């Protein structure tokens, strides 16, 4: 059922590529923030 829910989310988002690019962008931003704060 998890796979069906994910398919529904992708369908609602319009194109799966948009969601994938969004996740990659968020990941890059998080990495940049972590690297900019060596105290963490």
Protein backbone atom coordinates (compact mmCIF):
# COMPACT_ATOMS: atom_id res chain seq x y z
CA UNK A 1 0.00 0.00 0.00
CA UNK A 2 2.97 2.30 0.57
CA UNK A 3 3.87 2.11 -3.11
CA UNK A 4 0.30 3.06 -4.04
CA UNK A 5 0.38 6.09 -1.74
CA UNK A 6 3.68 7.26 -3.25
CA UNK A 7 2.24 6.87 -6.76
CA UNK A 8 -0.72 9.02 -5.73
CA UNK A 9 1.54 11.75 -4.37
CA UNK A 10 3.56 11.74 -7.59
CA UNK A 11 0.35 11.95 -9.62
CA UNK A 12 -0.87 14.92 -7.56
CA UNK A 13 2.48 16.69 -7.94
CA UNK A 14 2.07 16.47 -11.72
CA UNK A 15 5.49 15.11 -12.67
CA UNK A 16 7.64 12.76 -10.52
CA UNK A 17 10.72 14.62 -11.76
CA UNK A 18 9.58 17.76 -9.93
CA UNK A 19 9.40 15.92 -6.60
CA UNK A 20 12.76 14.23 -7.17
CA UNK A 21 14.47 17.53 -8.07
CA UNK A 22 12.84 19.15 -5.05
CA UNK A 23 14.22 16.46 -2.72
CA UNK A 24 17.69 16.79 -4.25
CA UNK A 25 17.53 20.59 -3.83
CA UNK A 26 16.50 20.29 -0.17
CA UNK A 27 19.29 17.78 0.41
CA UNK A 28 21.85 20.13 -1.13
CA UNK A 29 20.62 23.03 1.00
CA UNK A 30 20.78 20.93 4.18
CA UNK A 31 24.33 19.81 3.34
CA UNK A 32 25.37 23.43 2.72
CA UNK A 33 23.92 24.50 6.09
CA UNK A 34 25.66 21.65 7.92
CA UNK A 35 28.99 22.40 6.25
CA UNK A 36 28.66 26.11 7.09
CA UNK A 37 28.23 25.22 10.79
CA UNK A 38 31.23 23.11 11.87
CA UNK A 39 30.12 23.58 15.50
CA UNK A 40 27.36 21.04 14.81
